């Protein structure tokens, strides 16, 4: 049981390192992580008494 937990821990650490590496190298590979820059306007109606 201890072996399984140890391997799952190693796999989780390896996955986290892989995600961090992809976040840094991704833009060079063509991945775009930027948020869309569209302006949104919405009317707000206030009911004041």
Protein backbone atom coordinates (compact mmCIF):
# COMPACT_ATOMS: atom_id res chain seq x y z
CA UNK A 1 0.00 0.00 0.00
CA UNK A 2 2.89 2.31 0.79
CA UNK A 3 4.40 1.73 -2.65
CA UNK A 4 1.20 2.83 -4.38
CA UNK A 5 1.02 6.04 -2.35
CA UNK A 6 4.67 6.75 -3.03
CA UNK A 7 4.23 6.27 -6.79
CA UNK A 8 1.09 8.43 -6.79
CA UNK A 9 3.03 11.15 -4.99
CA UNK A 10 5.84 10.94 -7.54
CA UNK A 11 3.31 11.06 -10.37
CA UNK A 12 1.61 14.12 -8.87
CA UNK A 13 4.94 15.94 -8.48
CA UNK A 14 5.93 15.03 -12.03
CA UNK A 15 2.57 16.28 -13.31
CA UNK A 16 2.94 19.58 -11.45
CA UNK A 17 6.44 20.08 -12.85
CA UNK A 18 5.13 19.26 -16.33
CA UNK A 19 2.36 21.85 -16.03
CA UNK A 20 4.79 24.53 -14.90
CA UNK A 21 7.13 23.71 -17.78
CA UNK A 22 4.24 23.82 -20.24
CA UNK A 23 3.15 27.20 -18.87
CA UNK A 24 6.60 28.62 -19.61
CA UNK A 25 7.29 26.82 -22.91
CA UNK A 26 3.70 26.80 -24.25
CA UNK A 27 3.78 30.25 -25.91
CA UNK A 28 6.84 29.18 -27.93
CA UNK A 29 4.91 26.11 -29.11
CA UNK A 30 1.89 28.14 -30.25
CA UNK A 31 -0.35 27.92 -27.17
CA UNK A 32 -2.11 31.19 -26.34
CA UNK A 33 -2.97 31.61 -22.66
CA UNK A 34 -4.14 35.23 -22.84
CA UNK A 35 -7.70 36.13 -21.98
CA UNK A 36 -9.93 37.49 -24.74
CA UNK A 37 -9.84 41.29 -24.81
CA UNK A 38 -13.44 42.11 -25.77
CA UNK A 39 -15.22 45.07 -24.23
CA UNK A 40 -18.55 44.17 -22.66
CA UNK A 41 -21.19 46.81 -21.94
CA UNK A 42 -24.34 46.01 -20.04
CA UNK A 43 -27.08 48.35 -18.89
CA UNK A 44 -27.64 48.51 -15.14
CA UNK A 45 -31.06 49.56 -13.83
CA UNK A 46 -31.16 50.76 -10.23
CA UNK A 47 -34.50 50.80 -8.42
CA UNK A 48 -34.11 53.59 -5.86
CA UNK A 49 -37.03 54.57 -3.64
